[in-house]
Amino acid sequence: MTRIYVIDAGVLISTWTDKKKDASFITTPGIIQEVRNRLSKFRAETLFLLEKMQQREPSHDAIAYIESTATQTGDSSVLSKNDIDLIALAYMLKNEGFEPTLVSTDFAVLNTASQLNLPIIDPNDKFSQRITWGLKCPACNYKTKSRASSVECPVCGTTMRRTPLKKNKKS
């Protein structure tokens, strides 16, 4: 099986891909559109020209599964469509028999992917724990497992904020 790195825009903006000489990269068209500065665009174009990188859309089934998982982890309120597509692409490739490793600097992306037991790399090496998110009232400290965003506290009416309910070391 071939090891494939599924990469986020932050990875293309950094020089991380330059350090992986014999690697294959894949991303989504939406992620490519996020790359705006000239040097990063040049880096991405070079990878395409050298046939070291491809872009691919994830399946609708994979996207639906990732949306469901992100809701369970509490990350859905902070994941963009591109983030969900990226995780779905890694998940889909794994189901197709590849060995994808998702590479991102986005903690919500890494958290959701790690909950799916997808191999992950944080190039900044700062992601250390899986987190299940919930909501907490900043006024009265009421907590709930609800994953909805902008919910009023049932006790005092203050807008609740996202807070970690459960932390586990990443595997």
N, C-alpha and C. Protein backbone atom coordinates (compact mmCIF):
# COMPACT_ATOMS: atom_id res chain seq x y z
N MET A 1 0.83 -1.19 0.00
CA MET A 1 0.00 0.00 0.00
C MET A 1 0.87 1.25 0.00
N THR A 2 0.37 2.29 -0.64
CA THR A 2 1.10 3.54 -0.75
C THR A 2 0.66 4.51 0.34
N ARG A 3 1.63 5.11 1.03
CA ARG A 3 1.33 6.12 2.05
C ARG A 3 1.05 7.43 1.33
N ILE A 4 -0.08 8.03 1.65
CA ILE A 4 -0.50 9.29 1.05
C ILE A 4 -0.73 10.30 2.17
N TYR A 5 -0.24 11.50 1.97
CA TYR A 5 -0.48 12.58 2.91
C TYR A 5 -1.63 13.44 2.39
N VAL A 6 -2.69 13.52 3.18
CA VAL A 6 -3.85 14.37 2.86
C VAL A 6 -3.58 15.69 3.56
N ILE A 7 -3.37 16.76 2.78
CA ILE A 7 -2.84 17.99 3.38
C ILE A 7 -3.82 19.15 3.34
N ASP A 8 -3.72 19.95 4.39
CA ASP A 8 -4.54 21.14 4.59
C ASP A 8 -3.79 22.36 4.05
N ALA A 9 -4.47 23.48 3.93
CA ALA A 9 -3.87 24.72 3.40
C ALA A 9 -2.69 25.18 4.25
N GLY A 10 -2.80 25.04 5.56
CA GLY A 10 -1.70 25.45 6.44
C GLY A 10 -0.42 24.71 6.15
N VAL A 11 -0.54 23.48 5.69
CA VAL A 11 0.64 22.67 5.36
C VAL A 11 1.26 23.18 4.05
N LEU A 12 0.42 23.57 3.11
CA LEU A 12 0.94 24.13 1.86
C LEU A 12 1.58 25.50 2.08
N ILE A 13 1.10 26.23 3.05
CA ILE A 13 1.67 27.54 3.36
C ILE A 13 3.04 27.38 4.03
N SER A 14 3.20 26.32 4.81
CA SER A 14 4.50 26.05 5.45
C SER A 14 5.43 25.36 4.45
N THR A 15 6.60 25.00 4.92
CA THR A 15 7.56 24.29 4.06
C THR A 15 7.57 22.80 4.37
N TRP A 16 6.55 22.30 5.06
CA TRP A 16 6.52 20.90 5.47
C TRP A 16 6.62 19.96 4.27
N THR A 17 5.94 20.27 3.17
CA THR A 17 5.97 19.38 2.00
C THR A 17 7.37 19.29 1.40
N ASP A 18 8.17 20.35 1.55
CA ASP A 18 9.54 20.34 1.01
C ASP A 18 10.41 19.29 1.69
N LYS A 19 10.06 18.93 2.92
CA LYS A 19 10.85 17.97 3.70
C LYS A 19 10.50 16.52 3.38
N LYS A 20 9.44 16.32 2.62
CA LYS A 20 8.97 14.97 2.28
C LYS A 20 9.24 14.71 0.80
N LYS A 21 10.48 14.42 0.48
CA LYS A 21 10.92 14.30 -0.92
C LYS A 21 10.22 13.19 -1.70
N ASP A 22 10.00 12.04 -1.08
CA ASP A 22 9.42 10.89 -1.79
C ASP A 22 7.96 10.65 -1.44
N ALA A 23 7.26 11.69 -1.05
CA ALA A 23 5.87 11.54 -0.61
C ALA A 23 4.89 11.88 -1.73
N SER A 24 3.67 11.36 -1.57
CA SER A 24 2.56 11.71 -2.45
C SER A 24 1.56 12.50 -1.61
N PHE A 25 1.05 13.58 -2.18
CA PHE A 25 0.11 14.44 -1.48
C PHE A 25 -1.22 14.49 -2.22
N ILE A 26 -2.28 14.68 -1.46
CA ILE A 26 -3.60 14.84 -2.04
C ILE A 26 -4.37 15.82 -1.18
N THR A 27 -5.22 16.59 -1.81
CA THR A 27 -6.05 17.54 -1.10
C THR A 27 -7.33 17.75 -1.89
N THR A 28 -8.17 18.64 -1.41
CA THR A 28 -9.43 18.92 -2.09
C THR A 28 -9.31 20.23 -2.88
N PRO A 29 -10.15 20.42 -3.89
CA PRO A 29 -10.12 21.69 -4.62
C PRO A 29 -10.37 22.91 -3.71
N GLY A 30 -11.21 22.74 -2.71
CA GLY A 30 -11.48 23.84 -1.77
C GLY A 30 -10.26 24.26 -1.00
N ILE A 31 -9.43 23.31 -0.63
CA ILE A 31 -8.19 23.62 0.10
C ILE A 31 -7.24 24.39 -0.82
N ILE A 32 -7.15 23.98 -2.07
CA ILE A 32 -6.28 24.68 -3.03
C ILE A 32 -6.73 26.15 -3.16
N GLN A 33 -8.04 26.39 -3.14
CA GLN A 33 -8.56 27.76 -3.25
C GLN A 33 -8.21 28.61 -2.02
N GLU A 34 -7.95 27.96 -0.87
CA GLU A 34 -7.58 28.69 0.34
C GLU A 34 -6.15 29.22 0.28
N VAL A 35 -5.33 28.62 -0.58
CA VAL A 35 -3.92 29.03 -0.70
C VAL A 35 -3.87 30.28 -1.56
N ARG A 36 -3.50 31.40 -0.95
CA ARG A 36 -3.58 32.67 -1.67
C ARG A 36 -2.24 33.38 -1.87
N ASN A 37 -1.27 33.18 -0.97
CA ASN A 37 -0.03 33.93 -1.16
C ASN A 37 0.81 33.32 -2.28
N ARG A 38 1.60 34.14 -2.90
CA ARG A 38 2.32 33.75 -4.11
C ARG A 38 3.26 32.56 -3.90
N LEU A 39 4.02 32.58 -2.81
CA LEU A 39 4.97 31.50 -2.57
C LEU A 39 4.26 30.16 -2.36
N SER A 40 3.18 30.17 -1.62
CA SER A 40 2.42 28.94 -1.37
C SER A 40 1.75 28.43 -2.64
N LYS A 41 1.22 29.35 -3.44
CA LYS A 41 0.63 28.94 -4.73
C LYS A 41 1.70 28.31 -5.61
N PHE A 42 2.88 28.91 -5.63
CA PHE A 42 4.00 28.36 -6.41
C PHE A 42 4.36 26.96 -5.92
N ARG A 43 4.40 26.79 -4.60
CA ARG A 43 4.72 25.48 -4.02
C ARG A 43 3.67 24.44 -4.46
N ALA A 44 2.40 24.81 -4.39
CA ALA A 44 1.33 23.88 -4.79
C ALA A 44 1.41 23.57 -6.28
N GLU A 45 1.60 24.60 -7.11
CA GLU A 45 1.70 24.38 -8.56
C GLU A 45 2.88 23.48 -8.91
N THR A 46 3.99 23.65 -8.19
CA THR A 46 5.17 22.81 -8.42
C THR A 46 4.87 21.36 -8.09
N LEU A 47 4.19 21.13 -6.98
CA LEU A 47 3.82 19.75 -6.61
C LEU A 47 2.91 19.12 -7.66
N PHE A 48 1.98 19.90 -8.21
CA PHE A 48 1.12 19.38 -9.27
C PHE A 48 1.93 19.07 -10.53
N LEU A 49 2.83 19.98 -10.91
CA LEU A 49 3.64 19.77 -12.12
C LEU A 49 4.56 18.56 -11.99
N LEU A 50 5.07 18.33 -10.79
CA LEU A 50 5.94 17.17 -10.55
C LEU A 50 5.15 15.88 -10.33
N GLU A 51 3.83 16.00 -10.44
CA GLU A 51 2.90 14.88 -10.23
C GLU A 51 3.06 14.25 -8.85
N LYS A 52 3.36 15.10 -7.86
CA LYS A 52 3.47 14.65 -6.48
C LYS A 52 2.20 14.96 -5.70
N MET A 53 1.31 15.76 -6.30
CA MET A 53 0.07 16.11 -5.62
C MET A 53 -1.11 16.01 -6.58
N GLN A 54 -2.23 15.57 -6.02
CA GLN A 54 -3.49 15.50 -6.75
C GLN A 54 -4.55 16.21 -5.93
N GLN A 55 -5.65 16.54 -6.58
CA GLN A 55 -6.82 17.02 -5.85
C GLN A 55 -7.99 16.12 -6.18
N ARG A 56 -8.83 15.91 -5.20
CA ARG A 56 -9.96 14.99 -5.37
C ARG A 56 -11.08 15.40 -4.43
N GLU A 57 -12.29 15.23 -4.89
CA GLU A 57 -13.47 15.50 -4.06
C GLU A 57 -13.83 14.23 -3.27
N PRO A 58 -14.23 14.37 -2.02
CA PRO A 58 -14.69 13.20 -1.26
C PRO A 58 -16.12 12.84 -1.68
N SER A 59 -16.52 11.61 -1.36
CA SER A 59 -17.88 11.17 -1.69
C SER A 59 -18.89 11.81 -0.74
N HIS A 60 -20.14 11.86 -1.18
CA HIS A 60 -21.21 12.41 -0.34
C HIS A 60 -21.39 11.57 0.92
N ASP A 61 -21.23 10.24 0.81
CA ASP A 61 -21.36 9.37 1.98
C ASP A 61 -20.28 9.66 3.01
N ALA A 62 -19.05 9.87 2.54
CA ALA A 62 -17.95 10.18 3.46
C ALA A 62 -18.19 11.52 4.14
N ILE A 63 -18.67 12.49 3.38
CA ILE A 63 -18.95 13.81 3.96
C ILE A 63 -20.03 13.70 5.04
N ALA A 64 -21.09 12.97 4.77
CA ALA A 64 -22.18 12.80 5.74
C ALA A 64 -21.66 12.12 7.01
N TYR A 65 -20.79 11.14 6.85
CA TYR A 65 -20.24 10.43 8.01
C TYR A 65 -19.36 11.36 8.85
N ILE A 66 -18.56 12.18 8.21
CA ILE A 66 -17.70 13.11 8.92
C ILE A 66 -18.53 14.17 9.63
N GLU A 67 -19.57 14.67 8.98
CA GLU A 67 -20.45 15.64 9.63
C GLU A 67 -21.07 15.06 10.89
N SER A 68 -21.49 13.80 10.83
CA SER A 68 -22.06 13.12 11.99
C SER A 68 -21.02 12.97 13.10
N THR A 69 -19.82 12.56 12.74
CA THR A 69 -18.75 12.38 13.73
C THR A 69 -18.38 13.72 14.36
N ALA A 70 -18.28 14.78 13.55
CA ALA A 70 -17.93 16.10 14.06
C ALA A 70 -19.00 16.62 15.02
N THR A 71 -20.25 16.26 14.78
CA THR A 71 -21.32 16.64 15.70
C THR A 71 -21.15 15.92 17.03
N GLN A 72 -20.77 14.64 16.98
CA GLN A 72 -20.56 13.86 18.21
C GLN A 72 -19.38 14.38 19.03
N THR A 73 -18.34 14.84 18.36
CA THR A 73 -17.16 15.34 19.08
C THR A 73 -17.33 16.78 19.54
N GLY A 74 -18.32 17.48 18.96
CA GLY A 74 -18.53 18.87 19.30
C GLY A 74 -17.71 19.82 18.44
N ASP A 75 -17.08 19.30 17.38
CA ASP A 75 -16.25 20.13 16.51
C ASP A 75 -17.03 20.73 15.34
N SER A 76 -18.26 20.30 15.11
CA SER A 76 -18.99 20.73 13.90
C SER A 76 -19.18 22.24 13.83
N SER A 77 -19.27 22.90 14.96
CA SER A 77 -19.51 24.35 14.93
C SER A 77 -18.27 25.15 14.50
N VAL A 78 -17.10 24.54 14.52
CA VAL A 78 -15.87 25.27 14.15
C VAL A 78 -15.22 24.72 12.88
N LEU A 79 -15.74 23.63 12.34
CA LEU A 79 -15.18 23.08 11.10
C LEU A 79 -15.85 23.73 9.89
N SER A 80 -15.04 24.16 8.93
CA SER A 80 -15.57 24.72 7.69
C SER A 80 -15.93 23.58 6.74
N LYS A 81 -16.58 23.92 5.65
CA LYS A 81 -16.88 22.92 4.62
C LYS A 81 -15.59 22.29 4.11
N ASN A 82 -14.56 23.12 3.88
CA ASN A 82 -13.28 22.59 3.41
C ASN A 82 -12.65 21.64 4.43
N ASP A 83 -12.77 21.95 5.73
CA ASP A 83 -12.25 21.07 6.77
C ASP A 83 -12.94 19.71 6.72
N ILE A 84 -14.26 19.73 6.61
CA ILE A 84 -15.04 18.49 6.57
C ILE A 84 -14.69 17.69 5.32
N ASP A 85 -14.58 18.38 4.19
CA ASP A 85 -14.20 17.70 2.95
C ASP A 85 -12.82 17.04 3.06
N LEU A 86 -11.89 17.72 3.71
CA LEU A 86 -10.54 17.19 3.86
C LEU A 86 -10.54 15.91 4.71
N ILE A 87 -11.23 15.94 5.83
CA ILE A 87 -11.31 14.75 6.69
C ILE A 87 -12.03 13.63 5.94
N ALA A 88 -13.11 13.99 5.23
CA ALA A 88 -13.86 12.99 4.46
C ALA A 88 -12.99 12.35 3.38
N LEU A 89 -12.12 13.13 2.77
CA LEU A 89 -11.21 12.59 1.76
C LEU A 89 -10.26 11.57 2.38
N ALA A 90 -9.70 11.88 3.54
CA ALA A 90 -8.80 10.93 4.22
C ALA A 90 -9.57 9.67 4.60
N TYR A 91 -10.78 9.83 5.13
CA TYR A 91 -11.61 8.70 5.52
C TYR A 91 -11.95 7.83 4.30
N MET A 92 -12.31 8.46 3.20
CA MET A 92 -12.66 7.74 1.97
C MET A 92 -11.45 6.97 1.43
N LEU A 93 -10.29 7.61 1.43
CA LEU A 93 -9.08 6.93 0.94
C LEU A 93 -8.74 5.71 1.79
N LYS A 94 -8.93 5.84 3.10
CA LYS A 94 -8.67 4.70 4.01
C LYS A 94 -9.60 3.55 3.65
N ASN A 95 -10.87 3.86 3.38
CA ASN A 95 -11.84 2.82 3.01
C ASN A 95 -11.56 2.22 1.64
N GLU A 96 -10.81 2.95 0.81
CA GLU A 96 -10.43 2.43 -0.50
C GLU A 96 -9.15 1.59 -0.45
N GLY A 97 -8.58 1.43 0.75
CA GLY A 97 -7.41 0.58 0.91
C GLY A 97 -6.07 1.30 0.91
N PHE A 98 -6.09 2.63 0.88
CA PHE A 98 -4.85 3.39 0.96
C PHE A 98 -4.46 3.59 2.42
N GLU A 99 -3.26 4.10 2.64
CA GLU A 99 -2.80 4.44 3.99
C GLU A 99 -2.65 5.95 4.08
N PRO A 100 -3.76 6.66 4.22
CA PRO A 100 -3.65 8.12 4.27
C PRO A 100 -3.27 8.62 5.66
N THR A 101 -2.48 9.65 5.71
CA THR A 101 -2.18 10.37 6.94
C THR A 101 -2.63 11.80 6.72
N LEU A 102 -3.53 12.26 7.58
CA LEU A 102 -4.04 13.61 7.47
C LEU A 102 -3.05 14.56 8.15
N VAL A 103 -2.61 15.58 7.43
CA VAL A 103 -1.65 16.55 7.95
C VAL A 103 -2.32 17.92 7.99
N SER A 104 -2.43 18.47 9.20
CA SER A 104 -3.11 19.75 9.37
C SER A 104 -2.57 20.46 10.60
N THR A 105 -2.73 21.78 10.61
CA THR A 105 -2.39 22.58 11.79
C THR A 105 -3.66 22.98 12.54
N ASP A 106 -4.82 22.56 12.05
CA ASP A 106 -6.11 22.91 12.63
C ASP A 106 -6.50 21.89 13.69
N PHE A 107 -6.64 22.32 14.94
CA PHE A 107 -6.93 21.39 16.03
C PHE A 107 -8.27 20.68 15.86
N ALA A 108 -9.28 21.37 15.36
CA ALA A 108 -10.59 20.73 15.19
C ALA A 108 -10.52 19.64 14.12
N VAL A 109 -9.78 19.89 13.05
CA VAL A 109 -9.58 18.88 12.01
C VAL A 109 -8.86 17.67 12.60
N LEU A 110 -7.77 17.92 13.32
CA LEU A 110 -6.99 16.84 13.92
C LEU A 110 -7.81 16.07 14.96
N ASN A 111 -8.61 16.79 15.74
CA ASN A 111 -9.42 16.16 16.76
C ASN A 111 -10.45 15.21 16.15
N THR A 112 -11.18 15.69 15.14
CA THR A 112 -12.20 14.86 14.51
C THR A 112 -11.55 13.65 13.82
N ALA A 113 -10.44 13.87 13.12
CA ALA A 113 -9.75 12.77 12.44
C ALA A 113 -9.23 11.74 13.43
N SER A 114 -8.72 12.20 14.56
CA SER A 114 -8.20 11.25 15.55
C SER A 114 -9.32 10.43 16.19
N GLN A 115 -10.51 11.01 16.30
CA GLN A 115 -11.66 10.26 16.82
C GLN A 115 -12.04 9.13 15.88
N LEU A 116 -11.70 9.29 14.59
CA LEU A 116 -11.97 8.26 13.58
C LEU A 116 -10.81 7.28 13.44
N ASN A 117 -9.80 7.45 14.29
CA ASN A 117 -8.58 6.63 14.25
C ASN A 117 -7.83 6.75 12.93
N LEU A 118 -7.94 7.92 12.30
CA LEU A 118 -7.14 8.19 11.12
C LEU A 118 -5.76 8.62 11.58
N PRO A 119 -4.70 8.16 10.92
CA PRO A 119 -3.38 8.66 11.28
C PRO A 119 -3.30 10.17 11.00
N ILE A 120 -2.72 10.90 11.94
CA ILE A 120 -2.64 12.35 11.81
C ILE A 120 -1.22 12.84 12.10
N ILE A 121 -0.89 13.98 11.50
CA ILE A 121 0.36 14.67 11.82
C ILE A 121 0.02 16.14 12.00
N ASP A 122 0.51 16.70 13.10
CA ASP A 122 0.46 18.14 13.32
C ASP A 122 1.89 18.64 13.10
N PRO A 123 2.15 19.32 11.99
CA PRO A 123 3.51 19.77 11.71
C PRO A 123 4.09 20.66 12.81
N ASN A 124 3.23 21.33 13.58
CA ASN A 124 3.69 22.18 14.68
C ASN A 124 3.87 21.39 15.97
N ASP A 125 3.44 20.14 15.97
CA ASP A 125 3.56 19.23 17.12
C ASP A 125 2.94 19.80 18.41
N LYS A 126 1.77 20.42 18.27
CA LYS A 126 1.08 20.99 19.43
C LYS A 126 -0.19 20.23 19.82
N PHE A 127 -0.73 19.43 18.89
CA PHE A 127 -1.96 18.69 19.18
C PHE A 127 -1.61 17.46 20.03
N SER A 128 -2.12 17.42 21.25
CA SER A 128 -1.74 16.31 22.14
C SER A 128 -2.91 15.56 22.74
N GLN A 129 -4.12 16.07 22.63
CA GLN A 129 -5.27 15.43 23.27
C GLN A 129 -6.49 15.43 22.38
N ARG A 130 -7.22 14.30 22.42
CA ARG A 130 -8.54 14.26 21.81
C ARG A 130 -9.50 14.93 22.77
N ILE A 131 -10.40 15.73 22.23
CA ILE A 131 -11.33 16.45 23.10
C ILE A 131 -12.76 16.22 22.62
N THR A 132 -13.64 15.95 23.57
CA THR A 132 -15.07 15.94 23.31
C THR A 132 -15.61 17.24 23.88
N TRP A 133 -16.25 18.03 23.02
CA TRP A 133 -16.69 19.36 23.39
C TRP A 133 -18.15 19.39 23.83
N GLY A 134 -18.46 20.34 24.66
CA GLY A 134 -19.83 20.62 25.09
C GLY A 134 -19.97 22.12 25.25
N LEU A 135 -20.95 22.53 26.03
CA LEU A 135 -21.19 23.96 26.26
C LEU A 135 -21.18 24.26 27.76
N LYS A 136 -20.70 25.46 28.09
CA LYS A 136 -20.67 25.89 29.49
C LYS A 136 -21.11 27.35 29.55
N CYS A 137 -21.90 27.65 30.54
CA CYS A 137 -22.35 29.03 30.75
C CYS A 137 -21.24 29.79 31.49
N PRO A 138 -20.79 30.93 30.93
CA PRO A 138 -19.74 31.69 31.60
C PRO A 138 -20.24 32.44 32.85
N ALA A 139 -21.56 32.56 32.98
CA ALA A 139 -22.11 33.29 34.13
C ALA A 139 -22.36 32.38 35.33
N CYS A 140 -23.05 31.25 35.10
CA CYS A 140 -23.42 30.39 36.24
C CYS A 140 -22.71 29.03 36.24
N ASN A 141 -21.87 28.78 35.22
CA ASN A 141 -21.09 27.54 35.10
C ASN A 141 -21.90 26.29 34.81
N TYR A 142 -23.13 26.44 34.38
CA TYR A 142 -23.94 25.28 33.96
C TYR A 142 -23.28 24.64 32.74
N LYS A 143 -23.17 23.30 32.75
CA LYS A 143 -22.57 22.58 31.61
C LYS A 143 -23.59 21.65 30.99
N THR A 144 -23.44 21.43 29.68
CA THR A 144 -24.29 20.49 28.96
C THR A 144 -23.49 19.79 27.88
N LYS A 145 -23.92 18.61 27.52
CA LYS A 145 -23.27 17.87 26.43
C LYS A 145 -23.76 18.33 25.07
N SER A 146 -24.70 19.26 25.06
CA SER A 146 -25.23 19.77 23.79
C SER A 146 -24.09 20.28 22.93
N ARG A 147 -24.18 20.00 21.63
CA ARG A 147 -23.12 20.42 20.70
C ARG A 147 -23.57 21.60 19.83
N ALA A 148 -24.79 22.08 20.04
CA ALA A 148 -25.30 23.19 19.24
C ALA A 148 -24.51 24.46 19.58
N SER A 149 -24.45 25.38 18.65
CA SER A 149 -23.76 26.64 18.93
C SER A 149 -24.77 27.72 19.27
N SER A 150 -24.35 28.72 20.00
CA SER A 150 -25.18 29.87 20.39
C SER A 150 -26.46 29.45 21.10
N VAL A 151 -26.31 28.65 22.12
CA VAL A 151 -27.45 28.20 22.92
C VAL A 151 -27.52 29.03 24.19
N GLU A 152 -28.72 29.44 24.55
CA GLU A 152 -28.90 30.17 25.80
C GLU A 152 -28.91 29.21 26.97
N CYS A 153 -28.30 29.61 28.06
CA CYS A 153 -28.28 28.80 29.28
C CYS A 153 -29.71 28.66 29.81
N PRO A 154 -30.15 27.42 30.09
CA PRO A 154 -31.50 27.24 30.61
C PRO A 154 -31.66 27.74 32.04
N VAL A 155 -30.55 28.00 32.72
CA VAL A 155 -30.61 28.47 34.10
C VAL A 155 -30.69 30.00 34.17
N CYS A 156 -29.77 30.69 33.43
CA CYS A 156 -29.71 32.15 33.58
C CYS A 156 -29.90 32.93 32.28
N GLY A 157 -29.94 32.25 31.13
CA GLY A 157 -30.20 32.92 29.86
C GLY A 157 -28.97 33.48 29.15
N THR A 158 -27.78 33.34 29.73
CA THR A 158 -26.55 33.81 29.09
C THR A 158 -26.19 32.89 27.93
N THR A 159 -25.59 33.44 26.88
CA THR A 159 -25.15 32.60 25.75
C THR A 159 -24.01 31.70 26.22
N MET A 160 -24.18 30.40 25.99
CA MET A 160 -23.19 29.42 26.44
C MET A 160 -22.02 29.36 25.48
N ARG A 161 -20.86 28.93 25.98
CA ARG A 161 -19.63 28.84 25.18
C ARG A 161 -19.14 27.40 25.11
N ARG A 162 -18.44 27.14 24.04
CA ARG A 162 -17.84 25.82 23.82
C ARG A 162 -16.78 25.56 24.88
N THR A 163 -16.80 24.35 25.45
CA THR A 163 -15.83 23.99 26.48
C THR A 163 -15.50 22.50 26.39
N PRO A 164 -14.29 22.09 26.74
CA PRO A 164 -13.96 20.67 26.71
C PRO A 164 -14.67 19.92 27.84
N LEU A 165 -15.33 18.81 27.49
CA LEU A 165 -15.98 17.98 28.50
C LEU A 165 -15.12 16.77 28.85
N LYS A 166 -14.38 16.28 27.85
CA LYS A 166 -13.59 15.07 28.05
C LYS A 166 -12.30 15.19 27.24
N LYS A 167 -11.17 14.88 27.88
CA LYS A 167 -9.88 14.92 27.18
C LYS A 167 -9.20 13.56 27.33
N ASN A 168 -8.65 13.09 26.23
CA ASN A 168 -7.87 11.85 26.23
C ASN A 168 -6.60 12.09 25.45
N LYS A 169 -5.53 11.46 25.84
CA LYS A 169 -4.29 11.54 25.07
C LYS A 169 -4.52 10.98 23.69
N LYS A 170 -3.97 11.64 22.66
CA LYS A 170 -4.12 11.12 21.30
C LYS A 170 -3.36 9.82 21.20
N SER A 171 -3.85 8.95 20.32
CA SER A 171 -3.18 7.65 20.17
C SER A 171 -2.28 7.64 18.97
